[in-house]
Amino acid sequence: MGYSQTSEPIRLERDCAAVMVPQGEAVTLPAGQVGYITQALGGSFTVYVDGNLFRIQGSDADALGKEPPAALELPEDAGDAEVEKLVWQQLRTCFDPEIPINIVELGLVYDCDLERLDDGRRKVNVRMTLTAPGCGMGDILVDDVRTKLEMIPTVAEADVDLVFDPPWNQTMMSEAARLETGMMY
């Protein structure tokens, strides 16, 4: 696999945790390693290094010479509608490292609802799937969704349930996603 001419060359400024794509294996890329950013979406990065793709979390952006994503803000008196809007915004920041389309537009999110906990905080419940059941990045993607939802002020917990019924297919994608990928039917 090569890289596009729009890929941005990088040299890691420090050792950096990464996940090998699509295997999902956690590795550490050493300081000084040279590569290319092939995708920078949703606050995480996909980098091409020595013939392999790796996903690097936004919290490690400094290793790439980039700024980490800003903390999420929400008014203290935010209502459920405002929190739900931010939940969907956060879901749209979750990307499969190999596909430059967010999981909402891909049609991977089947259900998402909020519930109030006794202490006034919220729990987000998500049912989602993957484009392929054997995807090695499944656990990584589920963890990304959970982590990004739990970054939302007032969200105490995110329960992300990975399901495969109904099985995902391209008709679940938004029209914009089908156009972008050339998967019109």
N, C-alpha and C. Protein backbone atom coordinates (compact mmCIF):
# COMPACT_ATOMS: atom_id res chain seq x y z
N MET A 1 0.84 -1.19 0.00
CA MET A 1 0.00 0.00 0.00
C MET A 1 0.88 1.24 0.00
N GLY A 2 0.54 2.20 -0.79
CA GLY A 2 1.26 3.46 -0.81
C GLY A 2 0.50 4.50 -0.01
N TYR A 3 0.88 5.73 -0.16
CA TYR A 3 0.19 6.81 0.51
C TYR A 3 -0.10 7.87 -0.53
N SER A 4 -1.13 8.64 -0.28
CA SER A 4 -1.51 9.66 -1.25
C SER A 4 -0.54 10.83 -1.19
N GLN A 5 -0.52 11.63 -2.24
CA GLN A 5 0.38 12.78 -2.25
C GLN A 5 -0.04 13.84 -1.25
N THR A 6 -1.26 13.72 -0.72
CA THR A 6 -1.70 14.69 0.28
C THR A 6 -1.33 14.24 1.69
N SER A 7 -0.71 13.06 1.83
CA SER A 7 -0.29 12.59 3.15
C SER A 7 0.78 13.54 3.70
N GLU A 8 0.71 13.73 5.00
CA GLU A 8 1.64 14.66 5.65
C GLU A 8 2.77 13.89 6.33
N PRO A 9 4.01 14.15 5.95
CA PRO A 9 5.11 13.45 6.59
C PRO A 9 5.25 13.86 8.06
N ILE A 10 5.64 12.89 8.90
CA ILE A 10 5.84 13.16 10.32
C ILE A 10 7.09 12.42 10.80
N ARG A 11 7.63 12.90 11.91
CA ARG A 11 8.68 12.21 12.64
C ARG A 11 8.22 12.25 14.10
N LEU A 12 8.05 11.09 14.70
CA LEU A 12 7.55 11.04 16.08
C LEU A 12 8.52 11.74 17.01
N GLU A 13 7.98 12.64 17.82
CA GLU A 13 8.79 13.43 18.74
C GLU A 13 9.05 12.71 20.06
N ARG A 14 8.31 11.63 20.30
CA ARG A 14 8.50 10.81 21.50
C ARG A 14 7.91 9.43 21.23
N ASP A 15 8.22 8.47 22.09
CA ASP A 15 7.57 7.17 21.98
C ASP A 15 6.07 7.39 22.06
N CYS A 16 5.32 6.60 21.31
CA CYS A 16 3.89 6.86 21.21
C CYS A 16 3.11 5.54 21.12
N ALA A 17 2.08 5.42 21.95
CA ALA A 17 1.18 4.27 21.89
C ALA A 17 0.38 4.35 20.59
N ALA A 18 0.19 3.21 19.95
CA ALA A 18 -0.57 3.15 18.71
C ALA A 18 -1.27 1.80 18.63
N VAL A 19 -2.20 1.70 17.71
CA VAL A 19 -2.90 0.44 17.47
C VAL A 19 -2.73 0.11 16.00
N MET A 20 -2.26 -1.10 15.72
CA MET A 20 -2.05 -1.54 14.35
C MET A 20 -3.40 -1.77 13.67
N VAL A 21 -3.54 -1.26 12.45
CA VAL A 21 -4.78 -1.37 11.68
C VAL A 21 -4.56 -2.39 10.57
N PRO A 22 -5.44 -3.34 10.32
CA PRO A 22 -6.72 -3.58 10.98
C PRO A 22 -6.64 -4.61 12.09
N GLN A 23 -5.46 -5.09 12.46
CA GLN A 23 -5.33 -6.16 13.44
C GLN A 23 -5.83 -5.78 14.83
N GLY A 24 -5.69 -4.50 15.20
CA GLY A 24 -6.12 -4.06 16.52
C GLY A 24 -5.08 -4.31 17.60
N GLU A 25 -3.85 -4.63 17.22
CA GLU A 25 -2.79 -4.93 18.17
C GLU A 25 -2.15 -3.64 18.69
N ALA A 26 -2.04 -3.52 20.02
CA ALA A 26 -1.42 -2.34 20.63
C ALA A 26 0.10 -2.44 20.50
N VAL A 27 0.72 -1.34 20.08
CA VAL A 27 2.17 -1.28 19.92
C VAL A 27 2.67 0.08 20.40
N THR A 28 3.97 0.21 20.51
CA THR A 28 4.58 1.51 20.80
C THR A 28 5.49 1.85 19.63
N LEU A 29 5.22 3.00 19.01
CA LEU A 29 6.09 3.49 17.94
C LEU A 29 7.18 4.33 18.59
N PRO A 30 8.44 4.12 18.22
CA PRO A 30 9.55 4.80 18.90
C PRO A 30 9.74 6.25 18.43
N ALA A 31 10.27 7.05 19.32
CA ALA A 31 10.64 8.42 18.99
C ALA A 31 11.60 8.39 17.80
N GLY A 32 11.43 9.33 16.89
CA GLY A 32 12.27 9.41 15.70
C GLY A 32 11.73 8.65 14.51
N GLN A 33 10.71 7.79 14.75
CA GLN A 33 10.11 7.02 13.66
C GLN A 33 9.53 7.98 12.62
N VAL A 34 9.77 7.70 11.35
CA VAL A 34 9.27 8.53 10.26
C VAL A 34 8.07 7.84 9.63
N GLY A 35 7.07 8.61 9.24
CA GLY A 35 5.88 8.06 8.60
C GLY A 35 5.07 9.18 7.97
N TYR A 36 3.82 8.86 7.70
CA TYR A 36 2.91 9.82 7.07
C TYR A 36 1.55 9.75 7.74
N ILE A 37 0.95 10.90 7.98
CA ILE A 37 -0.44 10.94 8.45
C ILE A 37 -1.31 10.75 7.21
N THR A 38 -2.10 9.68 7.18
CA THR A 38 -2.98 9.43 6.04
C THR A 38 -4.41 9.86 6.32
N GLN A 39 -4.74 9.99 7.61
CA GLN A 39 -6.09 10.42 7.98
C GLN A 39 -6.01 11.09 9.34
N ALA A 40 -6.62 12.26 9.44
CA ALA A 40 -6.69 12.98 10.71
C ALA A 40 -8.12 13.44 10.87
N LEU A 41 -8.93 12.54 11.43
CA LEU A 41 -10.36 12.82 11.55
C LEU A 41 -10.83 12.47 12.96
N GLY A 42 -11.73 13.28 13.48
CA GLY A 42 -12.35 12.97 14.76
C GLY A 42 -11.41 13.01 15.94
N GLY A 43 -10.30 13.70 15.79
CA GLY A 43 -9.38 13.83 16.92
C GLY A 43 -8.39 12.68 17.03
N SER A 44 -8.40 11.75 16.09
CA SER A 44 -7.38 10.70 16.08
C SER A 44 -6.68 10.71 14.73
N PHE A 45 -5.59 9.98 14.65
CA PHE A 45 -4.77 10.00 13.44
C PHE A 45 -4.51 8.57 12.97
N THR A 46 -4.52 8.38 11.66
CA THR A 46 -4.05 7.14 11.07
C THR A 46 -2.74 7.48 10.39
N VAL A 47 -1.69 6.74 10.76
CA VAL A 47 -0.37 6.99 10.20
C VAL A 47 0.13 5.75 9.48
N TYR A 48 0.88 5.99 8.42
CA TYR A 48 1.49 4.94 7.61
C TYR A 48 2.97 4.91 7.96
N VAL A 49 3.43 3.79 8.51
CA VAL A 49 4.82 3.65 8.94
C VAL A 49 5.33 2.28 8.50
N ASP A 50 6.42 2.27 7.77
CA ASP A 50 7.07 1.01 7.36
C ASP A 50 6.09 -0.01 6.79
N GLY A 51 5.20 0.43 5.93
CA GLY A 51 4.29 -0.50 5.26
C GLY A 51 3.06 -0.89 6.05
N ASN A 52 2.85 -0.30 7.22
CA ASN A 52 1.69 -0.62 8.05
C ASN A 52 0.93 0.65 8.43
N LEU A 53 -0.35 0.47 8.73
CA LEU A 53 -1.17 1.56 9.24
C LEU A 53 -1.30 1.43 10.75
N PHE A 54 -1.28 2.58 11.44
CA PHE A 54 -1.44 2.63 12.88
C PHE A 54 -2.40 3.75 13.22
N ARG A 55 -3.21 3.54 14.26
CA ARG A 55 -4.12 4.58 14.76
C ARG A 55 -3.50 5.15 16.03
N ILE A 56 -3.44 6.48 16.09
CA ILE A 56 -2.91 7.18 17.25
C ILE A 56 -4.01 8.08 17.80
N GLN A 57 -4.25 7.98 19.11
CA GLN A 57 -5.29 8.77 19.75
C GLN A 57 -4.93 10.25 19.76
N GLY A 58 -5.96 11.08 19.77
CA GLY A 58 -5.77 12.52 19.82
C GLY A 58 -5.00 12.98 21.04
N SER A 59 -5.13 12.24 22.16
CA SER A 59 -4.39 12.62 23.37
C SER A 59 -2.88 12.49 23.17
N ASP A 60 -2.46 11.77 22.14
CA ASP A 60 -1.03 11.64 21.81
C ASP A 60 -0.63 12.50 20.61
N ALA A 61 -1.45 13.49 20.27
CA ALA A 61 -1.19 14.35 19.11
C ALA A 61 0.17 15.03 19.20
N ASP A 62 0.61 15.35 20.42
CA ASP A 62 1.90 16.03 20.57
C ASP A 62 3.06 15.19 20.04
N ALA A 63 2.93 13.86 20.05
CA ALA A 63 3.99 13.01 19.51
C ALA A 63 4.15 13.21 18.01
N LEU A 64 3.07 13.69 17.37
CA LEU A 64 3.08 13.97 15.93
C LEU A 64 3.34 15.44 15.63
N GLY A 65 3.55 16.23 16.67
CA GLY A 65 3.74 17.66 16.48
C GLY A 65 2.42 18.39 16.27
N LYS A 66 1.33 17.79 16.74
CA LYS A 66 -0.01 18.37 16.57
C LYS A 66 -0.59 18.74 17.94
N GLU A 67 -1.64 19.54 17.91
CA GLU A 67 -2.34 19.92 19.13
C GLU A 67 -3.39 18.86 19.48
N PRO A 68 -3.50 18.48 20.76
CA PRO A 68 -4.57 17.56 21.14
C PRO A 68 -5.92 18.27 21.04
N PRO A 69 -7.00 17.51 20.89
CA PRO A 69 -8.32 18.13 20.79
C PRO A 69 -8.67 18.90 22.07
N ALA A 70 -9.43 19.96 21.90
CA ALA A 70 -9.86 20.78 23.04
C ALA A 70 -10.88 20.00 23.88
N ALA A 71 -10.92 20.31 25.17
CA ALA A 71 -11.89 19.68 26.07
C ALA A 71 -13.31 20.11 25.69
N LEU A 72 -14.25 19.22 25.89
CA LEU A 72 -15.64 19.54 25.58
C LEU A 72 -16.23 20.43 26.65
N GLU A 73 -17.09 21.33 26.23
CA GLU A 73 -17.75 22.24 27.17
C GLU A 73 -19.25 22.13 27.01
N LEU A 74 -19.94 22.29 28.13
CA LEU A 74 -21.40 22.24 28.15
C LEU A 74 -21.85 23.09 29.32
N PRO A 75 -22.86 23.94 29.12
CA PRO A 75 -23.34 24.74 30.25
C PRO A 75 -23.78 23.85 31.41
N GLU A 76 -23.57 24.31 32.63
CA GLU A 76 -23.92 23.50 33.80
C GLU A 76 -25.41 23.17 33.85
N ASP A 77 -26.24 24.06 33.31
CA ASP A 77 -27.69 23.83 33.34
C ASP A 77 -28.19 23.21 32.03
N ALA A 78 -27.31 22.55 31.31
CA ALA A 78 -27.68 21.96 30.02
C ALA A 78 -28.79 20.92 30.19
N GLY A 79 -29.76 21.01 29.32
CA GLY A 79 -30.87 20.06 29.33
C GLY A 79 -30.52 18.81 28.53
N ASP A 80 -31.41 17.84 28.58
CA ASP A 80 -31.18 16.58 27.87
C ASP A 80 -31.01 16.79 26.37
N ALA A 81 -31.74 17.73 25.80
CA ALA A 81 -31.64 17.97 24.35
C ALA A 81 -30.23 18.46 23.98
N GLU A 82 -29.67 19.34 24.81
CA GLU A 82 -28.32 19.84 24.54
C GLU A 82 -27.28 18.73 24.69
N VAL A 83 -27.46 17.89 25.70
CA VAL A 83 -26.53 16.78 25.90
C VAL A 83 -26.65 15.79 24.75
N GLU A 84 -27.89 15.48 24.34
CA GLU A 84 -28.07 14.54 23.24
C GLU A 84 -27.46 15.07 21.95
N LYS A 85 -27.57 16.37 21.72
CA LYS A 85 -26.95 16.97 20.53
C LYS A 85 -25.44 16.78 20.57
N LEU A 86 -24.83 16.98 21.74
CA LEU A 86 -23.39 16.81 21.89
C LEU A 86 -23.01 15.33 21.76
N VAL A 87 -23.86 14.44 22.24
CA VAL A 87 -23.61 13.00 22.08
C VAL A 87 -23.50 12.66 20.60
N TRP A 88 -24.46 13.12 19.80
CA TRP A 88 -24.42 12.83 18.36
C TRP A 88 -23.23 13.50 17.68
N GLN A 89 -22.85 14.70 18.15
CA GLN A 89 -21.65 15.34 17.61
C GLN A 89 -20.41 14.49 17.91
N GLN A 90 -20.33 13.96 19.12
CA GLN A 90 -19.20 13.11 19.49
C GLN A 90 -19.19 11.82 18.68
N LEU A 91 -20.35 11.22 18.46
CA LEU A 91 -20.42 10.00 17.64
C LEU A 91 -19.90 10.28 16.23
N ARG A 92 -20.14 11.48 15.74
CA ARG A 92 -19.66 11.84 14.41
C ARG A 92 -18.15 12.10 14.37
N THR A 93 -17.49 12.04 15.53
CA THR A 93 -16.03 12.15 15.56
C THR A 93 -15.36 10.79 15.61
N CYS A 94 -16.15 9.73 15.55
CA CYS A 94 -15.62 8.36 15.59
C CYS A 94 -15.53 7.81 14.17
N PHE A 95 -14.33 7.40 13.80
CA PHE A 95 -14.07 6.93 12.44
C PHE A 95 -13.38 5.58 12.48
N ASP A 96 -13.75 4.75 11.51
CA ASP A 96 -12.97 3.55 11.25
C ASP A 96 -11.64 4.07 10.70
N PRO A 97 -10.50 3.58 11.19
CA PRO A 97 -9.21 4.10 10.72
C PRO A 97 -8.96 3.93 9.23
N GLU A 98 -9.71 3.03 8.59
CA GLU A 98 -9.50 2.78 7.16
C GLU A 98 -10.51 3.49 6.27
N ILE A 99 -11.58 4.02 6.87
CA ILE A 99 -12.66 4.64 6.09
C ILE A 99 -12.85 6.07 6.57
N PRO A 100 -12.68 7.05 5.70
CA PRO A 100 -12.77 8.45 6.14
C PRO A 100 -14.21 8.97 6.26
N ILE A 101 -15.08 8.14 6.81
CA ILE A 101 -16.48 8.53 7.01
C ILE A 101 -16.85 8.14 8.44
N ASN A 102 -17.54 9.04 9.15
CA ASN A 102 -17.84 8.76 10.55
C ASN A 102 -18.87 7.64 10.68
N ILE A 103 -18.93 7.06 11.89
CA ILE A 103 -19.76 5.88 12.11
C ILE A 103 -21.25 6.17 11.99
N VAL A 104 -21.67 7.42 12.22
CA VAL A 104 -23.08 7.77 12.07
C VAL A 104 -23.45 7.74 10.59
N GLU A 105 -22.64 8.39 9.75
CA GLU A 105 -22.92 8.42 8.31
C GLU A 105 -22.77 7.03 7.68
N LEU A 106 -21.89 6.19 8.26
CA LEU A 106 -21.75 4.83 7.76
C LEU A 106 -22.96 3.96 8.12
N GLY A 107 -23.79 4.43 9.05
CA GLY A 107 -24.96 3.66 9.46
C GLY A 107 -24.62 2.60 10.50
N LEU A 108 -23.52 2.77 11.22
CA LEU A 108 -23.11 1.78 12.21
C LEU A 108 -23.79 1.96 13.56
N VAL A 109 -24.38 3.13 13.81
CA VAL A 109 -25.06 3.38 15.08
C VAL A 109 -26.54 3.05 14.90
N TYR A 110 -26.99 2.00 15.58
CA TYR A 110 -28.39 1.56 15.46
C TYR A 110 -29.30 2.30 16.44
N ASP A 111 -28.85 2.49 17.67
CA ASP A 111 -29.65 3.19 18.69
C ASP A 111 -28.72 3.99 19.59
N CYS A 112 -29.25 5.09 20.09
CA CYS A 112 -28.52 5.90 21.05
C CYS A 112 -29.54 6.61 21.92
N ASP A 113 -29.48 6.37 23.24
CA ASP A 113 -30.40 7.08 24.13
C ASP A 113 -29.70 7.45 25.43
N LEU A 114 -30.27 8.43 26.09
CA LEU A 114 -29.75 8.93 27.36
C LEU A 114 -30.67 8.50 28.47
N GLU A 115 -30.09 8.25 29.63
CA GLU A 115 -30.93 8.04 30.82
C GLU A 115 -30.32 8.83 31.96
N ARG A 116 -31.19 9.32 32.83
CA ARG A 116 -30.75 10.09 34.01
C ARG A 116 -30.42 9.13 35.13
N LEU A 117 -29.31 9.35 35.76
CA LEU A 117 -28.94 8.57 36.94
C LEU A 117 -29.45 9.28 38.19
N ASP A 118 -29.47 8.58 39.30
CA ASP A 118 -29.98 9.15 40.55
C ASP A 118 -29.26 10.41 40.99
N ASP A 119 -27.97 10.53 40.64
CA ASP A 119 -27.19 11.70 41.05
C ASP A 119 -27.32 12.87 40.07
N GLY A 120 -28.20 12.73 39.05
CA GLY A 120 -28.42 13.81 38.09
C GLY A 120 -27.54 13.71 36.85
N ARG A 121 -26.48 12.92 36.94
CA ARG A 121 -25.66 12.73 35.75
C ARG A 121 -26.38 11.81 34.78
N ARG A 122 -25.75 11.56 33.65
CA ARG A 122 -26.41 10.78 32.61
C ARG A 122 -25.60 9.56 32.21
N LYS A 123 -26.32 8.60 31.67
CA LYS A 123 -25.71 7.41 31.08
C LYS A 123 -26.16 7.39 29.63
N VAL A 124 -25.22 7.12 28.73
CA VAL A 124 -25.54 7.02 27.31
C VAL A 124 -25.49 5.55 26.93
N ASN A 125 -26.53 5.07 26.28
CA ASN A 125 -26.60 3.69 25.82
C ASN A 125 -26.57 3.70 24.30
N VAL A 126 -25.60 2.98 23.73
CA VAL A 126 -25.44 2.93 22.28
C VAL A 126 -25.45 1.47 21.84
N ARG A 127 -26.20 1.21 20.79
CA ARG A 127 -26.13 -0.09 20.09
C ARG A 127 -25.53 0.21 18.73
N MET A 128 -24.45 -0.48 18.42
CA MET A 128 -23.79 -0.22 17.14
C MET A 128 -23.25 -1.52 16.56
N THR A 129 -22.83 -1.44 15.31
CA THR A 129 -22.28 -2.61 14.63
C THR A 129 -20.99 -2.22 13.93
N LEU A 130 -20.45 -3.14 13.18
CA LEU A 130 -19.25 -2.91 12.38
C LEU A 130 -19.57 -3.21 10.92
N THR A 131 -18.74 -2.72 10.02
CA THR A 131 -18.98 -3.02 8.60
C THR A 131 -18.75 -4.49 8.31
N ALA A 132 -17.90 -5.14 9.12
CA ALA A 132 -17.65 -6.58 8.96
C ALA A 132 -17.48 -7.19 10.35
N PRO A 133 -18.18 -8.31 10.64
CA PRO A 133 -18.11 -8.91 11.98
C PRO A 133 -16.70 -9.27 12.43
N GLY A 134 -15.81 -9.64 11.56
CA GLY A 134 -14.47 -10.05 11.94
C GLY A 134 -13.46 -8.92 12.01
N CYS A 135 -13.92 -7.68 11.94
CA CYS A 135 -13.03 -6.52 11.93
C CYS A 135 -12.15 -6.51 13.18
N GLY A 136 -10.83 -6.50 12.99
CA GLY A 136 -9.90 -6.47 14.10
C GLY A 136 -9.93 -5.17 14.88
N MET A 137 -10.53 -4.14 14.32
CA MET A 137 -10.59 -2.85 14.99
C MET A 137 -11.88 -2.68 15.79
N GLY A 138 -12.72 -3.70 15.86
CA GLY A 138 -14.01 -3.59 16.55
C GLY A 138 -13.89 -3.12 17.98
N ASP A 139 -13.05 -3.77 18.77
CA ASP A 139 -12.88 -3.38 20.17
C ASP A 139 -12.32 -1.97 20.29
N ILE A 140 -11.43 -1.61 19.39
CA ILE A 140 -10.83 -0.27 19.40
C ILE A 140 -11.89 0.78 19.09
N LEU A 141 -12.74 0.50 18.11
CA LEU A 141 -13.80 1.44 17.73
C LEU A 141 -14.82 1.59 18.86
N VAL A 142 -15.21 0.49 19.50
CA VAL A 142 -16.14 0.54 20.63
C VAL A 142 -15.53 1.35 21.77
N ASP A 143 -14.26 1.14 22.05
CA ASP A 143 -13.59 1.89 23.11
C ASP A 143 -13.51 3.38 22.76
N ASP A 144 -13.28 3.70 21.48
CA ASP A 144 -13.24 5.08 21.04
C ASP A 144 -14.59 5.75 21.27
N VAL A 145 -15.68 5.06 20.92
CA VAL A 145 -17.03 5.60 21.13
C VAL A 145 -17.25 5.84 22.62
N ARG A 146 -16.96 4.85 23.45
CA ARG A 146 -17.17 4.96 24.89
C ARG A 146 -16.36 6.13 25.45
N THR A 147 -15.09 6.19 25.11
CA THR A 147 -14.20 7.24 25.63
C THR A 147 -14.69 8.62 25.23
N LYS A 148 -15.08 8.78 23.98
CA LYS A 148 -15.51 10.10 23.51
C LYS A 148 -16.83 10.52 24.14
N LEU A 149 -17.72 9.58 24.39
CA LEU A 149 -18.99 9.92 25.03
C LEU A 149 -18.77 10.25 26.51
N GLU A 150 -17.85 9.56 27.15
CA GLU A 150 -17.59 9.84 28.57
C GLU A 150 -16.80 11.12 28.78
N MET A 151 -16.34 11.75 27.70
CA MET A 151 -15.68 13.05 27.79
C MET A 151 -16.70 14.18 27.93
N ILE A 152 -17.96 13.88 27.66
CA ILE A 152 -19.02 14.90 27.70
C ILE A 152 -19.34 15.22 29.15
N PRO A 153 -19.30 16.52 29.51
CA PRO A 153 -19.70 16.89 30.88
C PRO A 153 -21.11 16.36 31.17
N THR A 154 -21.33 15.90 32.35
CA THR A 154 -22.56 15.31 32.89
C THR A 154 -22.77 13.85 32.47
N VAL A 155 -21.95 13.30 31.58
CA VAL A 155 -22.08 11.89 31.23
C VAL A 155 -21.15 11.09 32.15
N ALA A 156 -21.76 10.27 33.00
CA ALA A 156 -21.01 9.46 33.95
C ALA A 156 -20.55 8.15 33.33
N GLU A 157 -21.33 7.65 32.37
CA GLU A 157 -21.05 6.33 31.82
C GLU A 157 -21.62 6.21 30.42
N ALA A 158 -20.91 5.49 29.58
CA ALA A 158 -21.40 5.16 28.24
C ALA A 158 -21.35 3.64 28.09
N ASP A 159 -22.48 3.06 27.82
CA ASP A 159 -22.58 1.62 27.59
C ASP A 159 -22.71 1.40 26.10
N VAL A 160 -21.68 0.82 25.48
CA VAL A 160 -21.67 0.61 24.03
C VAL A 160 -21.79 -0.88 23.78
N ASP A 161 -22.92 -1.25 23.19
CA ASP A 161 -23.22 -2.66 22.92
C ASP A 161 -22.97 -2.93 21.44
N LEU A 162 -22.03 -3.82 21.14
CA LEU A 162 -21.71 -4.18 19.77
C LEU A 162 -22.61 -5.34 19.36
N VAL A 163 -23.41 -5.12 18.32
CA VAL A 163 -24.38 -6.12 17.84
C VAL A 163 -24.15 -6.38 16.36
N PHE A 164 -24.63 -7.51 15.90
CA PHE A 164 -24.49 -7.86 14.48
C PHE A 164 -25.82 -8.25 13.86
N ASP A 165 -26.91 -7.92 14.55
CA ASP A 165 -28.24 -8.19 14.02
C ASP A 165 -29.04 -6.91 14.13
N PRO A 166 -29.45 -6.30 13.04
CA PRO A 166 -29.27 -6.79 11.68
C PRO A 166 -27.84 -6.56 11.20
N PRO A 167 -27.39 -7.41 10.28
CA PRO A 167 -26.04 -7.22 9.73
C PRO A 167 -25.98 -5.91 8.94
N TRP A 168 -24.84 -5.23 9.05
CA TRP A 168 -24.65 -3.98 8.33
C TRP A 168 -24.54 -4.25 6.83
N ASN A 169 -25.08 -3.32 6.04
CA ASN A 169 -24.86 -3.35 4.60
C ASN A 169 -24.87 -1.91 4.10
N GLN A 170 -24.44 -1.70 2.87
CA GLN A 170 -24.24 -0.33 2.36
C GLN A 170 -25.53 0.48 2.28
N THR A 171 -26.69 -0.15 2.32
CA THR A 171 -27.94 0.62 2.28
C THR A 171 -28.16 1.39 3.58
N MET A 172 -27.42 1.05 4.63
CA MET A 172 -27.54 1.74 5.91
C MET A 172 -26.76 3.05 5.94
N MET A 173 -25.90 3.25 4.94
CA MET A 173 -25.11 4.47 4.86
C MET A 173 -25.98 5.65 4.44
N SER A 174 -25.61 6.84 4.88
CA SER A 174 -26.31 8.04 4.42
C SER A 174 -26.02 8.21 2.93
N GLU A 175 -26.86 8.98 2.28
CA GLU A 175 -26.64 9.24 0.85
C GLU A 175 -25.28 9.90 0.61
N ALA A 176 -24.92 10.83 1.49
CA ALA A 176 -23.63 11.51 1.35
C ALA A 176 -22.47 10.51 1.46
N ALA A 177 -22.58 9.56 2.39
CA ALA A 177 -21.52 8.56 2.56
C ALA A 177 -21.46 7.64 1.34
N ARG A 178 -22.60 7.28 0.81
CA ARG A 178 -22.60 6.42 -0.40
C ARG A 178 -21.97 7.15 -1.58
N LEU A 179 -22.28 8.44 -1.71
CA LEU A 179 -21.68 9.23 -2.79
C LEU A 179 -20.17 9.32 -2.61
N GLU A 180 -19.73 9.59 -1.38
CA GLU A 180 -18.30 9.77 -1.12
C GLU A 180 -17.51 8.49 -1.39
N THR A 181 -18.11 7.33 -1.08
CA THR A 181 -17.41 6.06 -1.28
C THR A 181 -17.67 5.43 -2.63
N GLY A 182 -18.59 6.03 -3.40
CA GLY A 182 -18.93 5.45 -4.70
C GLY A 182 -19.79 4.20 -4.59
N MET A 183 -20.47 4.05 -3.44
CA MET A 183 -21.31 2.87 -3.21
C MET A 183 -22.78 3.14 -3.47
N MET A 184 -23.07 3.80 -4.55
CA MET A 184 -24.48 4.06 -4.89
C MET A 184 -25.08 2.75 -5.38
N TYR A 185 -26.33 2.57 -5.08
CA TYR A 185 -26.99 1.31 -5.50
C TYR A 185 -28.19 1.62 -6.35
